[in-house]
Amino acid sequence: MVHVRFEGRSYDITENQAKIQTGMNDNQIKESLAQYFDVGINRFSDYVIDRPTSGDLIIRPEAVYG
């Protein structure tokens, strides 16, 4: 499962829906998400990809504190 926080909304999508495959690097994942959401890849430039041990992916904006 891919959990995405994008433009203030949360999305749970499957790897197949987003065309994400095992072994993809961060940039490739961001490219696939940009295509899925039909936006430019630059919209994901400040996003972080977390890979918890569960095997899911969490894609979220970078947290800025202070």
Protein backbone atom coordinates (compact mmCIF):
# COMPACT_ATOMS: atom_id res chain seq x y z
CA MET A 1 0.00 0.00 0.00
CA VAL A 2 1.12 3.54 -0.74
CA HIS A 3 -0.03 6.23 1.68
CA VAL A 4 0.23 9.72 0.16
CA ARG A 5 -0.41 13.10 1.77
CA PHE A 6 -0.89 15.48 -1.17
CA GLU A 7 -2.38 18.98 -1.19
CA GLY A 8 -3.86 18.56 2.28
CA ARG A 9 -5.55 15.24 1.55
CA SER A 10 -4.63 11.65 2.35
CA TYR A 11 -4.72 8.91 -0.27
CA ASP A 12 -4.27 5.15 0.05
CA ILE A 13 -3.47 3.64 -3.32
CA THR A 14 -2.00 0.34 -4.40
CA GLU A 15 1.41 0.00 -5.97
CA ASN A 16 -0.27 -1.21 -9.16
CA GLN A 17 -2.50 1.87 -9.38
CA ALA A 18 0.53 4.18 -9.10
CA LYS A 19 2.77 1.90 -11.19
CA ILE A 20 5.31 1.64 -8.37
CA GLN A 21 7.55 -1.41 -8.34
CA THR A 22 9.88 -2.89 -5.75
CA GLY A 23 13.38 -1.46 -6.00
CA MET A 24 12.41 1.95 -7.38
CA ASN A 25 14.41 4.86 -6.04
CA ASP A 26 12.82 8.01 -4.59
CA ASN A 27 12.92 9.94 -7.86
CA GLN A 28 11.27 7.11 -9.79
CA ILE A 29 8.53 6.85 -7.15
CA LYS A 30 7.93 10.61 -7.33
CA GLU A 31 7.74 10.41 -11.14
CA SER A 32 5.12 7.64 -10.89
CA LEU A 33 3.09 9.64 -8.37
CA ALA A 34 3.25 12.76 -10.52
CA GLN A 35 1.84 10.75 -13.41
CA TYR A 36 -0.84 9.22 -11.17
CA PHE A 37 -1.96 12.66 -9.93
CA ASP A 38 -1.43 14.21 -13.38
CA VAL A 39 0.89 16.95 -12.11
CA GLY A 40 4.50 17.94 -12.76
CA ILE A 41 7.19 16.05 -10.86
CA ASN A 42 8.31 19.34 -9.28
CA ARG A 43 5.16 19.17 -7.10
CA PHE A 44 6.84 16.29 -5.23
CA SER A 45 10.33 17.82 -4.99
CA ASP A 46 10.04 18.61 -1.25
CA TYR A 47 8.34 15.33 -0.38
CA VAL A 48 9.84 12.62 1.82
CA ILE A 49 9.42 8.90 1.20
CA ASP A 50 9.31 6.80 4.36
CA ARG A 51 9.78 3.05 4.10
CA PRO A 52 8.55 1.46 7.36
CA THR A 53 9.26 -2.21 8.05
CA SER A 54 5.63 -3.04 7.17
CA GLY A 55 6.53 -2.77 3.49
CA ASP A 56 4.15 0.12 2.83
CA LEU A 57 5.35 3.46 1.52
CA ILE A 58 4.49 6.80 3.10
CA ILE A 59 4.93 9.85 0.89
CA ARG A 60 4.48 13.16 2.64
CA PRO A 61 5.63 16.77 2.57
CA GLU A 62 8.85 17.40 4.43
CA ALA A 63 8.10 18.52 7.98
CA VAL A 64 9.49 21.96 8.84
CA TYR A 65 9.57 23.01 12.46
CA GLY A 66 10.24 26.40 13.96
